């Protein structure tokens, strides 16, 4: 039976919105991934999409729209009709980081998007190339960059991404200088690292694991409370004397502002149900990206606002800025 609060909320909706919500979804749902294929957001959404489609009874069509450190695809959805057929798998980069980084961000992450549901939390790791670069430890890294200020470069999946800001903050913390080289996605950034075109990067441990094991890159540390079981030889940042170093991300589904609450709630429930699927949970454990389950849309919206308040000062302190 519907509670009084739910009945009041439903009664407040315009009749067209009520009809639309009751019929939703009756056609395929577009999910924008604001990064290129092959990165963490793309992998996560393609893992969840089949199960969510089964739950909702309509296909989820994934559309990669990279650019602007994830702001291009996020802005596209922010400006889409709030009809329940356009969503974005946005990230910390698209919200808290973007709010502090861009002088003219074309959307307000807190006002122009409807927070639906988080999907996974993303620990990150720091890796260096092994192509003509004999750095094996954080001490080696620090000494090498101090002796060669500005000579080396680091890659990321785009300006304003977690990898970009994490590395910029690490360099600032250690008093080092290097050039940032943004790429259109993690795949291109990894290729540059392996080729020795860039010398270091931050990214998801599971995506760097294969390069570490193959010897084409070396993961120097992970930024998480304990060592990752699949890379037990790699220390944590805390073990290396960086206990206050912040570097992480998360992915979450957002729609345009004004999305009917009935649609928001149904998609949030489908997301949480998919995250609870045993096969999906097993794969997320392999990827070291723990699912963020049991969140309501209100709780997620509050979390996003807190992240904006946390990261805007950190971004400004890093000196990173995009006009």
C-alpha atoms as a PDB file:
ATOM      1  CA  UNK A   1       0.000   0.000   0.000  1.00  0.00           C
ATOM      2  CA  UNK A   2       1.275   3.501  -0.822  1.00  0.00           C
ATOM      3  CA  UNK A   3       2.176   5.686   2.137  1.00  0.00           C
ATOM      4  CA  UNK A   4       0.768   9.190   2.651  1.00  0.00           C
ATOM      5  CA  UNK A   5       4.053  10.859   1.582  1.00  0.00           C
ATOM      6  CA  UNK A   6       4.173   8.840  -1.643  1.00  0.00           C
ATOM      7  CA  UNK A   7       0.536   9.670  -2.434  1.00  0.00           C
ATOM      8  CA  UNK A   8       1.176  13.378  -1.888  1.00  0.00           C
ATOM      9  CA  UNK A   9       4.247  13.261  -4.129  1.00  0.00           C
ATOM     10  CA  UNK A  10       2.325  11.494  -6.870  1.00  0.00           C
ATOM     11  CA  UNK A  11      -0.592  13.908  -6.575  1.00  0.00           C
ATOM     12  CA  UNK A  12       1.796  16.832  -7.065  1.00  0.00           C
ATOM     13  CA  UNK A  13       2.954  15.552 -10.476  1.00  0.00           C
ATOM     14  CA  UNK A  14       1.327  16.954 -13.639  1.00  0.00           C
ATOM     15  CA  UNK A  15      -0.926  14.447 -15.380  1.00  0.00           C
ATOM     16  CA  UNK A  16       1.408  14.044 -18.417  1.00  0.00           C
ATOM     17  CA  UNK A  17       4.290  13.263 -16.052  1.00  0.00           C
ATOM     18  CA  UNK A  18       2.163  10.707 -14.211  1.00  0.00           C
ATOM     19  CA  UNK A  19       1.240   8.971 -17.454  1.00  0.00           C
ATOM     20  CA  UNK A  20       4.830   9.045 -18.661  1.00  0.00           C
ATOM     21  CA  UNK A  21       6.143   7.606 -15.387  1.00  0.00           C
ATOM     22  CA  UNK A  22       3.541   4.837 -15.333  1.00  0.00           C
ATOM     23  CA  UNK A  23       4.460   3.724 -18.852  1.00  0.00           C
ATOM     24  CA  UNK A  24       8.229   3.950 -18.337  1.00  0.00           C
ATOM     25  CA  UNK A  25      10.171   2.413 -19.929  1.00  0.00           C
ATOM     26  CA  UNK A  26       8.457   1.603 -23.215  1.00  0.00           C
ATOM     27  CA  UNK A  27      11.489   1.999 -25.509  1.00  0.00           C
ATOM     28  CA  UNK A  28      15.285   1.618 -25.303  1.00  0.00           C
ATOM     29  CA  UNK A  29      17.123   3.724 -22.710  1.00  0.00           C
ATOM     30  CA  UNK A  30      20.271   5.588 -23.715  1.00  0.00           C
ATOM     31  CA  UNK A  31      23.168   5.506 -21.234  1.00  0.00           C
ATOM     32  CA  UNK A  32      25.927   7.958 -22.110  1.00  0.00           C
ATOM     33  CA  UNK A  33      29.419   6.937 -21.033  1.00  0.00           C
ATOM     34  CA  UNK A  34      31.413  10.196 -21.104  1.00  0.00           C
ATOM     35  CA  UNK A  35      34.706   8.432 -21.823  1.00  0.00           C
ATOM     36  CA  UNK A  36      36.102   6.388 -24.693  1.00  0.00           C
ATOM     37  CA  UNK A  37      35.640   2.619 -24.875  1.00  0.00           C
ATOM     38  CA  UNK A  38      37.902   0.398 -22.817  1.00  0.00           C
ATOM     39  CA  UNK A  39      38.080   2.515 -19.667  1.00  0.00           C
ATOM     40  CA  UNK A  40      36.603   1.828 -16.251  1.00  0.00           C
ATOM     41  CA  UNK A  41      33.265   3.578 -16.837  1.00  0.00           C
ATOM     42  CA  UNK A  42      32.753   1.748 -20.120  1.00  0.00           C
ATOM     43  CA  UNK A  43      33.614  -1.633 -18.600  1.00  0.00           C
ATOM     44  CA  UNK A  44      31.327  -1.056 -15.616  1.00  0.00           C
ATOM     45  CA  UNK A  45      28.315   0.059 -17.641  1.00  0.00           C
ATOM     46  CA  UNK A  46      28.656  -2.775 -20.154  1.00  0.00           C
ATOM     47  CA  UNK A  47      28.791  -5.201 -17.235  1.00  0.00           C
ATOM     48  CA  UNK A  48      25.613  -3.833 -15.636  1.00  0.00           C
ATOM     49  CA  UNK A  49      23.584  -3.094 -18.781  1.00  0.00           C
ATOM     50  CA  UNK A  50      22.363  -6.613 -19.702  1.00  0.00           C
ATOM     51  CA  UNK A  51      21.068  -7.328 -16.191  1.00  0.00           C
ATOM     52  CA  UNK A  52      19.451  -3.897 -15.898  1.00  0.00           C
ATOM     53  CA  UNK A  53      17.796  -4.386 -19.289  1.00  0.00           C
ATOM     54  CA  UNK A  54      16.406  -7.708 -18.080  1.00  0.00           C
ATOM     55  CA  UNK A  55      15.013  -6.055 -14.943  1.00  0.00           C
ATOM     56  CA  UNK A  56      13.517  -3.051 -16.770  1.00  0.00           C
ATOM     57  CA  UNK A  57      12.254  -4.921 -19.815  1.00  0.00           C
ATOM     58  CA  UNK A  58      13.953  -2.593 -22.319  1.00  0.00           C
ATOM     59  CA  UNK A  59      17.464  -2.517 -23.853  1.00  0.00           C
ATOM     60  CA  UNK A  60      20.078  -0.129 -22.470  1.00  0.00           C
ATOM     61  CA  UNK A  61      21.949   1.418 -25.396  1.00  0.00           C
ATOM     62  CA  UNK A  62      25.431   2.561 -24.387  1.00  0.00           C
ATOM     63  CA  UNK A  63      26.735   5.620 -26.202  1.00  0.00           C
ATOM     64  CA  UNK A  64      30.338   6.735 -25.684  1.00  0.00           C
ATOM     65  CA  UNK A  65      30.712  10.531 -25.785  1.00  0.00           C
ATOM     66  CA  UNK A  66      34.255  11.323 -24.618  1.00  0.00           C
ATOM     67  CA  UNK A  67      35.775  14.772 -24.302  1.00  0.00           C
ATOM     68  CA  UNK A  68      36.387  17.546 -21.825  1.00  0.00           C
ATOM     69  CA  UNK A  69      37.412  15.179 -19.041  1.00  0.00           C
ATOM     70  CA  UNK A  70      33.906  13.633 -19.137  1.00  0.00           C
ATOM     71  CA  UNK A  71      32.076  16.988 -19.217  1.00  0.00           C
ATOM     72  CA  UNK A  72      30.975  16.729 -22.877  1.00  0.00           C
ATOM     73  CA  UNK A  73      28.873  13.610 -22.371  1.00  0.00           C
ATOM     74  CA  UNK A  74      27.624  14.776 -18.989  1.00  0.00           C
ATOM     75  CA  UNK A  75      26.522  18.127 -20.419  1.00  0.00           C
ATOM     76  CA  UNK A  76      24.704  16.325 -23.251  1.00  0.00           C
ATOM     77  CA  UNK A  77      22.519  14.506 -20.726  1.00  0.00           C
ATOM     78  CA  UNK A  78      22.076  17.588 -18.538  1.00  0.00           C
ATOM     79  CA  UNK A  79      20.519  19.311 -21.562  1.00  0.00           C
ATOM     80  CA  UNK A  80      18.393  16.312 -22.635  1.00  0.00           C
ATOM     81  CA  UNK A  81      14.639  16.118 -21.978  1.00  0.00           C
ATOM     82  CA  UNK A  82      13.862  14.651 -18.531  1.00  0.00           C
ATOM     83  CA  UNK A  83      11.762  11.881 -20.042  1.00  0.00           C
ATOM     84  CA  UNK A  84      13.641   8.900 -18.608  1.00  0.00           C
ATOM     85  CA  UNK A  85      15.427   7.910 -21.815  1.00  0.00           C
ATOM     86  CA  UNK A  86      18.795   9.678 -21.440  1.00  0.00           C
ATOM     87  CA  UNK A  87      21.170   9.053 -18.548  1.00  0.00           C
ATOM     88  CA  UNK A  88      24.897   9.409 -17.982  1.00  0.00           C
ATOM     89  CA  UNK A  89      27.302   7.272 -15.985  1.00  0.00           C
ATOM     90  CA  UNK A  90      29.037  10.286 -14.482  1.00  0.00           C
ATOM     91  CA  UNK A  91      31.966  10.268 -12.078  1.00  0.00           C
ATOM     92  CA  UNK A  92      33.748  12.339  -9.483  1.00  0.00           C
ATOM     93  CA  UNK A  93      35.514  13.961 -12.467  1.00  0.00           C
ATOM     94  CA  UNK A  94      32.162  15.061 -13.922  1.00  0.00           C
ATOM     95  CA  UNK A  95      30.924  16.555 -10.656  1.00  0.00           C
ATOM     96  CA  UNK A  96      33.150  17.596  -7.744  1.00  0.00           C
ATOM     97  CA  UNK A  97      36.342  17.923  -9.774  1.00  0.00           C
ATOM     98  CA  UNK A  98      34.689  19.617 -12.756  1.00  0.00           C
ATOM     99  CA  UNK A  99      33.015  22.187 -10.485  1.00  0.00           C
ATOM    100  CA  UNK A 100      36.424  23.370  -9.296  1.00  0.00           C
ATOM    101  CA  UNK A 101      38.366  22.937 -12.519  1.00  0.00           C
ATOM    102  CA  UNK A 102      36.360  24.635 -15.268  1.00  0.00           C
ATOM    103  CA  UNK A 103      35.946  28.401 -15.315  1.00  0.00           C
ATOM    104  CA  UNK A 104      32.880  28.031 -17.543  1.00  0.00           C
ATOM    105  CA  UNK A 105      31.419  24.599 -16.825  1.00  0.00           C
ATOM    106  CA  UNK A 106      28.278  24.403 -19.023  1.00  0.00           C
ATOM    107  CA  UNK A 107      26.210  22.672 -16.330  1.00  0.00           C
ATOM    108  CA  UNK A 108      25.833  22.825 -12.560  1.00  0.00           C
ATOM    109  CA  UNK A 109      26.428  19.302 -11.190  1.00  0.00           C
ATOM    110  CA  UNK A 110      24.152  19.926  -8.206  1.00  0.00           C
ATOM    111  CA  UNK A 111      21.299  21.666 -10.059  1.00  0.00           C
ATOM    112  CA  UNK A 112      21.258  20.455 -13.674  1.00  0.00           C
ATOM    113  CA  UNK A 113      21.425  16.717 -12.982  1.00  0.00           C
ATOM    114  CA  UNK A 114      19.196  14.288 -11.091  1.00  0.00           C
ATOM    115  CA  UNK A 115      21.269  11.902  -8.981  1.00  0.00           C
ATOM    116  CA  UNK A 116      19.820   8.416  -9.448  1.00  0.00           C
ATOM    117  CA  UNK A 117      22.203   5.803  -8.035  1.00  0.00           C
ATOM    118  CA  UNK A 118      25.897   5.178  -7.460  1.00  0.00           C
ATOM    119  CA  UNK A 119      27.365   2.033  -8.982  1.00  0.00           C
ATOM    120  CA  UNK A 120      30.948   1.388  -7.831  1.00  0.00           C
ATOM    121  CA  UNK A 121      33.699   2.978  -5.755  1.00  0.00           C
ATOM    122  CA  UNK A 122      37.074   3.269  -7.486  1.00  0.00           C
ATOM    123  CA  UNK A 123      40.386   2.981  -5.637  1.00  0.00           C
ATOM    124  CA  UNK A 124      43.290   4.139  -7.807  1.00  0.00           C
ATOM    125  CA  UNK A 125      46.961   3.268  -8.155  1.00  0.00           C
ATOM    126  CA  UNK A 126      50.116   4.975  -9.351  1.00  0.00           C
ATOM    127  CA  UNK A 127      52.224   3.382 -12.088  1.00  0.00           C
ATOM    128  CA  UNK A 128      55.376   4.201 -14.031  1.00  0.00           C
ATOM    129  CA  UNK A 129      56.634   3.023 -17.399  1.00  0.00           C
ATOM    130  CA  UNK A 130      59.408   0.450 -17.627  1.00  0.00           C
ATOM    131  CA  UNK A 131      60.291   1.505 -21.176  1.00  0.00           C
ATOM    132  CA  UNK A 132      63.726   3.093 -20.775  1.00  0.00           C
ATOM    133  CA  UNK A 133      62.907   4.366 -17.297  1.00  0.00           C
ATOM    134  CA  UNK A 134      64.531   2.484 -14.377  1.00  0.00           C
ATOM    135  CA  UNK A 135      62.313   3.922 -11.615  1.00  0.00           C
ATOM    136  CA  UNK A 136      61.346   1.111  -9.240  1.00  0.00           C
ATOM    137  CA  UNK A 137      60.204   2.870  -6.052  1.00  0.00           C
ATOM    138  CA  UNK A 138      58.561   6.098  -4.930  1.00  0.00           C
ATOM    139  CA  UNK A 139      61.995   7.188  -3.646  1.00  0.00           C
ATOM    140  CA  UNK A 140      63.469   6.605  -7.130  1.00  0.00           C
ATOM    141  CA  UNK A 141      60.600   8.525  -8.672  1.00  0.00           C
ATOM    142  CA  UNK A 142      61.043  11.527  -6.381  1.00  0.00           C
ATOM    143  CA  UNK A 143      64.808  11.641  -6.860  1.00  0.00           C
ATOM    144  CA  UNK A 144      64.538  11.335 -10.653  1.00  0.00           C
ATOM    145  CA  UNK A 145      62.011  14.168 -11.010  1.00  0.00           C
ATOM    146  CA  UNK A 146      63.880  16.433  -8.587  1.00  0.00           C
ATOM    147  CA  UNK A 147      66.998  16.005 -10.701  1.00  0.00           C
ATOM    148  CA  UNK A 148      65.052  16.694 -13.922  1.00  0.00           C
ATOM    149  CA  UNK A 149      62.339  19.296 -13.199  1.00  0.00           C
ATOM    150  CA  UNK A 150      59.758  19.507 -15.984  1.00  0.00           C
ATOM    151  CA  UNK A 151      61.524  16.963 -18.201  1.00  0.00           C
ATOM    152  CA  UNK A 152      59.064  14.095 -17.774  1.00  0.00           C
ATOM    153  CA  UNK A 153      55.329  13.792 -18.446  1.00  0.00           C
ATOM    154  CA  UNK A 154      52.294  11.961 -17.167  1.00  0.00           C
ATOM    155  CA  UNK A 155      49.201  10.787 -18.995  1.00  0.00           C
ATOM    156  CA  UNK A 156      45.541  10.709 -18.046  1.00  0.00           C
ATOM    157  CA  UNK A 157      42.216   9.916 -19.678  1.00  0.00           C
ATOM    158  CA  UNK A 158      41.478  13.637 -19.975  1.00  0.00           C
ATOM    159  CA  UNK A 159      41.770  17.059 -18.393  1.00  0.00           C
ATOM    160  CA  UNK A 160      39.990  17.134 -15.068  1.00  0.00           C
ATOM    161  CA  UNK A 161      39.782  13.373 -14.627  1.00  0.00           C
ATOM    162  CA  UNK A 162      40.664  11.689 -11.365  1.00  0.00           C
ATOM    163  CA  UNK A 163      43.959  10.523 -12.868  1.00  0.00           C
ATOM    164  CA  UNK A 164      44.877  14.071 -13.839  1.00  0.00           C
ATOM    165  CA  UNK A 165      44.042  15.624 -10.465  1.00  0.00           C
ATOM    166  CA  UNK A 166      45.484  12.755  -8.435  1.00  0.00           C
ATOM    167  CA  UNK A 167      48.824  13.078 -10.199  1.00  0.00           C
ATOM    168  CA  UNK A 168      48.820  16.880  -9.994  1.00  0.00           C
ATOM    169  CA  UNK A 169      48.173  16.664  -6.246  1.00  0.00           C
ATOM    170  CA  UNK A 170      50.897  14.047  -5.777  1.00  0.00           C
ATOM    171  CA  UNK A 171      53.432  16.215  -7.609  1.00  0.00           C
ATOM    172  CA  UNK A 172      52.438  19.249  -5.544  1.00  0.00           C
ATOM    173  CA  UNK A 173      52.702  17.229  -2.328  1.00  0.00           C
ATOM    174  CA  UNK A 174      56.203  16.013  -3.252  1.00  0.00           C
ATOM    175  CA  UNK A 175      57.363  19.355  -4.643  1.00  0.00           C
ATOM    176  CA  UNK A 176      57.888  17.998  -8.176  1.00  0.00           C
ATOM    177  CA  UNK A 177      57.212  19.249 -11.706  1.00  0.00           C
ATOM    178  CA  UNK A 178      56.062  17.364 -14.813  1.00  0.00           C
ATOM    179  CA  UNK A 179      53.970  17.966 -17.920  1.00  0.00           C
ATOM    180  CA  UNK A 180      50.396  16.695 -18.168  1.00  0.00           C
ATOM    181  CA  UNK A 181      49.402  14.951 -21.414  1.00  0.00           C
ATOM    182  CA  UNK A 182      45.629  14.349 -21.628  1.00  0.00           C
ATOM    183  CA  UNK A 183      44.268  11.562 -23.842  1.00  0.00           C
ATOM    184  CA  UNK A 184      40.755  10.697 -24.977  1.00  0.00           C
ATOM    185  CA  UNK A 185      40.337   7.726 -22.686  1.00  0.00           C
ATOM    186  CA  UNK A 186      42.280   5.320 -20.526  1.00  0.00           C
ATOM    187  CA  UNK A 187      43.243   3.002 -23.392  1.00  0.00           C
ATOM    188  CA  UNK A 188      45.231   5.708 -25.174  1.00  0.00           C
ATOM    189  CA  UNK A 189      46.830   6.796 -21.900  1.00  0.00           C
ATOM    190  CA  UNK A 190      47.939   3.222 -21.154  1.00  0.00           C
ATOM    191  CA  UNK A 191      49.369   2.810 -24.675  1.00  0.00           C
ATOM    192  CA  UNK A 192      51.454   5.963 -24.205  1.00  0.00           C
ATOM    193  CA  UNK A 193      52.714   4.712 -20.824  1.00  0.00           C
ATOM    194  CA  UNK A 194      53.743   1.317 -22.195  1.00  0.00           C
ATOM    195  CA  UNK A 195      55.467   2.954 -25.182  1.00  0.00           C
ATOM    196  CA  UNK A 196      57.388   5.286 -22.894  1.00  0.00           C
ATOM    197  CA  UNK A 197      55.807   8.379 -24.443  1.00  0.00           C
ATOM    198  CA  UNK A 198      54.694   9.329 -20.921  1.00  0.00           C
ATOM    199  CA  UNK A 199      56.445   8.186 -17.780  1.00  0.00           C
ATOM    200  CA  UNK A 200      53.684   7.796 -15.182  1.00  0.00           C
ATOM    201  CA  UNK A 201      49.936   7.818 -14.523  1.00  0.00           C
ATOM    202  CA  UNK A 202      47.191   7.155 -11.996  1.00  0.00           C
ATOM    203  CA  UNK A 203      44.366   4.749 -12.813  1.00  0.00           C
ATOM    204  CA  UNK A 204      42.318   1.805 -11.593  1.00  0.00           C
ATOM    205  CA  UNK A 205      44.517  -0.981 -10.146  1.00  0.00           C
ATOM    206  CA  UNK A 206      42.742  -3.720 -12.096  1.00  0.00           C
ATOM    207  CA  UNK A 207      43.361  -1.915 -15.400  1.00  0.00           C
ATOM    208  CA  UNK A 208      47.075  -1.511 -14.615  1.00  0.00           C
ATOM    209  CA  UNK A 209      47.489  -5.026 -13.195  1.00  0.00           C
ATOM    210  CA  UNK A 210      48.133  -6.724 -16.555  1.00  0.00           C
ATOM    211  CA  UNK A 211      50.844  -4.219 -17.487  1.00  0.00           C
ATOM    212  CA  UNK A 212      52.478  -4.664 -14.071  1.00  0.00           C
ATOM    213  CA  UNK A 213      52.490  -8.446 -14.408  1.00  0.00           C
ATOM    214  CA  UNK A 214      53.798  -8.251 -17.985  1.00  0.00           C
ATOM    215  CA  UNK A 215      56.569  -5.887 -16.920  1.00  0.00           C
ATOM    216  CA  UNK A 216      55.530  -3.140 -19.345  1.00  0.00           C
ATOM    217  CA  UNK A 217      54.587  -0.832 -16.442  1.00  0.00           C
ATOM    218  CA  UNK A 218      55.239  -0.905 -12.718  1.00  0.00           C
ATOM    219  CA  UNK A 219      52.575  -0.122 -10.113  1.00  0.00           C
ATOM    220  CA  UNK A 220      54.374   1.683  -7.273  1.00  0.00           C
ATOM    221  CA  UNK A 221      51.465   1.943  -4.826  1.00  0.00           C
ATOM    222  CA  UNK A 222      47.698   1.643  -4.404  1.00  0.00           C
ATOM    223  CA  UNK A 223      45.573   4.261  -2.662  1.00  0.00           C
ATOM    224  CA  UNK A 224      43.347   2.130  -0.457  1.00  0.00           C
ATOM    225  CA  UNK A 225      43.349   1.038   3.188  1.00  0.00           C
ATOM    226  CA  UNK A 226      45.085  -2.291   2.592  1.00  0.00           C
ATOM    227  CA  UNK A 227      47.134  -3.959  -0.117  1.00  0.00           C
ATOM    228  CA  UNK A 228      45.160  -5.422  -2.990  1.00  0.00           C
ATOM    229  CA  UNK A 229      45.150  -9.212  -2.842  1.00  0.00           C
ATOM    230  CA  UNK A 230      45.814  -9.522  -6.583  1.00  0.00           C
ATOM    231  CA  UNK A 231      48.936  -7.314  -6.360  1.00  0.00           C
ATOM    232  CA  UNK A 232      50.272  -8.307  -2.937  1.00  0.00           C
ATOM    233  CA  UNK A 233      53.781  -7.024  -3.731  1.00  0.00           C
ATOM    234  CA  UNK A 234      52.517  -3.461  -4.204  1.00  0.00           C
ATOM    235  CA  UNK A 235      52.432  -1.285  -1.041  1.00  0.00           C
ATOM    236  CA  UNK A 236      49.727   1.196  -0.101  1.00  0.00           C
ATOM    237  CA  UNK A 237      50.297   4.947  -0.188  1.00  0.00           C
ATOM    238  CA  UNK A 238      50.132   4.983   3.614  1.00  0.00           C
ATOM    239  CA  UNK A 239      52.957   2.448   3.828  1.00  0.00           C
ATOM    240  CA  UNK A 240      55.090   4.813   1.753  1.00  0.00           C
ATOM    241  CA  UNK A 241      54.465   7.800   4.004  1.00  0.00           C
ATOM    242  CA  UNK A 242      51.440   9.338   2.267  1.00  0.00           C
ATOM    243  CA  UNK A 243      48.628   8.739   4.804  1.00  0.00           C
ATOM    244  CA  UNK A 244      46.635  11.865   3.913  1.00  0.00           C
ATOM    245  CA  UNK A 245      46.902  11.500   0.139  1.00  0.00           C
ATOM    246  CA  UNK A 246      43.433  11.507  -1.512  1.00  0.00           C
ATOM    247  CA  UNK A 247      42.914   9.689  -4.808  1.00  0.00           C
ATOM    248  CA  UNK A 248      39.724   7.835  -5.677  1.00  0.00           C
ATOM    249  CA  UNK A 249      36.653   8.031  -7.828  1.00  0.00           C
ATOM    250  CA  UNK A 250      33.153   6.620  -8.104  1.00  0.00           C
ATOM    251  CA  UNK A 251      30.656   6.122 -10.895  1.00  0.00           C
ATOM    252  CA  UNK A 252      26.960   6.890 -10.694  1.00  0.00           C
ATOM    253  CA  UNK A 253      23.900   7.226 -12.888  1.00  0.00           C
ATOM    254  CA  UNK A 254      22.407  10.684 -13.394  1.00  0.00           C
ATOM    255  CA  UNK A 255      19.516  12.004 -15.456  1.00  0.00           C
ATOM    256  CA  UNK A 256      18.593  15.564 -16.405  1.00  0.00           C
ATOM    257  CA  UNK A 257      17.120  17.869 -13.772  1.00  0.00           C
ATOM    258  CA  UNK A 258      13.362  17.482 -13.442  1.00  0.00           C
ATOM    259  CA  UNK A 259      13.333  13.717 -13.893  1.00  0.00           C
ATOM    260  CA  UNK A 260      10.072  12.327 -12.430  1.00  0.00           C
ATOM    261  CA  UNK A 261      10.684  10.699  -9.062  1.00  0.00           C
ATOM    262  CA  UNK A 262       8.901   7.499 -10.056  1.00  0.00           C
ATOM    263  CA  UNK A 263      11.428   6.997 -12.879  1.00  0.00           C
ATOM    264  CA  UNK A 264      14.346   7.925 -10.623  1.00  0.00           C
ATOM    265  CA  UNK A 265      13.252   5.405  -8.001  1.00  0.00           C
ATOM    266  CA  UNK A 266      12.680   2.602 -10.493  1.00  0.00           C
ATOM    267  CA  UNK A 267      16.062   3.032 -12.177  1.00  0.00           C
ATOM    268  CA  UNK A 268      17.782   3.275  -8.782  1.00  0.00           C
ATOM    269  CA  UNK A 269      16.140   0.008  -7.709  1.00  0.00           C
ATOM    270  CA  UNK A 270      17.155  -1.703 -10.974  1.00  0.00           C
ATOM    271  CA  UNK A 271      20.734  -0.510 -10.547  1.00  0.00           C
ATOM    272  CA  UNK A 272      20.926  -1.807  -6.984  1.00  0.00           C
ATOM    273  CA  UNK A 273      19.390  -5.139  -8.013  1.00  0.00           C
ATOM    274  CA  UNK A 274      21.920  -5.542 -10.835  1.00  0.00           C
ATOM    275  CA  UNK A 275      24.793  -4.743  -8.468  1.00  0.00           C
ATOM    276  CA  UNK A 276      23.551  -7.561  -6.239  1.00  0.00           C
ATOM    277  CA  UNK A 277      23.706 -10.179  -8.993  1.00  0.00           C
ATOM    278  CA  UNK A 278      26.273 -12.829  -7.915  1.00  0.00           C
ATOM    279  CA  UNK A 279      28.044 -12.961 -11.298  1.00  0.00           C
ATOM    280  CA  UNK A 280      28.333  -9.171 -11.419  1.00  0.00           C
ATOM    281  CA  UNK A 281      29.553  -9.027  -7.832  1.00  0.00           C
ATOM    282  CA  UNK A 282      32.244 -11.599  -8.610  1.00  0.00           C
ATOM    283  CA  UNK A 283      33.445  -9.588 -11.593  1.00  0.00           C
ATOM    284  CA  UNK A 284      33.475  -6.340  -9.599  1.00  0.00           C
ATOM    285  CA  UNK A 285      35.562  -8.054  -6.930  1.00  0.00           C
ATOM    286  CA  UNK A 286      38.069  -9.097  -9.613  1.00  0.00           C
ATOM    287  CA  UNK A 287      38.182  -5.474 -10.788  1.00  0.00           C
ATOM    288  CA  UNK A 288      38.687  -4.193  -7.217  1.00  0.00           C
ATOM    289  CA  UNK A 289      35.712  -1.842  -7.675  1.00  0.00           C
ATOM    290  CA  UNK A 290      33.338  -2.518  -4.763  1.00  0.00           C
ATOM    291  CA  UNK A 291      29.624  -1.995  -5.482  1.00  0.00           C
ATOM    292  CA  UNK A 292      27.875   0.887  -3.730  1.00  0.00           C
ATOM    293  CA  UNK A 293      24.642  -0.845  -2.747  1.00  0.00           C
ATOM    294  CA  UNK A 294      21.625   0.211  -0.709  1.00  0.00           C
ATOM    295  CA  UNK A 295      21.705   3.900  -1.636  1.00  0.00           C
ATOM    296  CA  UNK A 296      18.532   5.929  -2.132  1.00  0.00           C
ATOM    297  CA  UNK A 297      18.502   8.760  -4.700  1.00  0.00           C
ATOM    298  CA  UNK A 298      18.307  11.267  -1.821  1.00  0.00           C
ATOM    299  CA  UNK A 299      21.356   9.812  -0.129  1.00  0.00           C
ATOM    300  CA  UNK A 300      23.277   9.834  -3.404  1.00  0.00           C
ATOM    301  CA  UNK A 301      22.318  13.454  -4.124  1.00  0.00           C
ATOM    302  CA  UNK A 302      23.533  14.448  -0.656  1.00  0.00           C
ATOM    303  CA  UNK A 303      26.806  12.564  -1.227  1.00  0.00           C
ATOM    304  CA  UNK A 304      27.368  14.359  -4.539  1.00  0.00           C
ATOM    305  CA  UNK A 305      26.900  17.737  -2.843  1.00  0.00           C
ATOM    306  CA  UNK A 306      29.412  16.733  -0.156  1.00  0.00           C
ATOM    307  CA  UNK A 307      31.900  15.645  -2.815  1.00  0.00           C
ATOM    308  CA  UNK A 308      31.565  19.008  -4.574  1.00  0.00           C
ATOM    309  CA  UNK A 309      32.255  20.784  -1.267  1.00  0.00           C
ATOM    310  CA  UNK A 310      35.274  18.530  -0.644  1.00  0.00           C
ATOM    311  CA  UNK A 311      36.888  18.586  -4.063  1.00  0.00           C
ATOM    312  CA  UNK A 312      36.426  22.162  -5.260  1.00  0.00           C
ATOM    313  CA  UNK A 313      38.970  23.451  -2.675  1.00  0.00           C
ATOM    314  CA  UNK A 314      41.357  20.565  -3.440  1.00  0.00           C
ATOM    315  CA  UNK A 315      41.214  21.276  -7.171  1.00  0.00           C
ATOM    316  CA  UNK A 316      41.839  24.977  -6.618  1.00  0.00           C
ATOM    317  CA  UNK A 317      44.756  24.187  -4.315  1.00  0.00           C
ATOM    318  CA  UNK A 318      46.308  22.016  -7.034  1.00  0.00           C
ATOM    319  CA  UNK A 319      46.461  25.003  -9.375  1.00  0.00           C
ATOM    320  CA  UNK A 320      44.725  23.082 -12.177  1.00  0.00           C
ATOM    321  CA  UNK A 321      42.339  25.261 -14.180  1.00  0.00           C
ATOM    322  CA  UNK A 322      40.597  25.083 -17.547  1.00  0.00           C
ATOM    323  CA  UNK A 323      39.317  28.352 -19.004  1.00  0.00           C
END
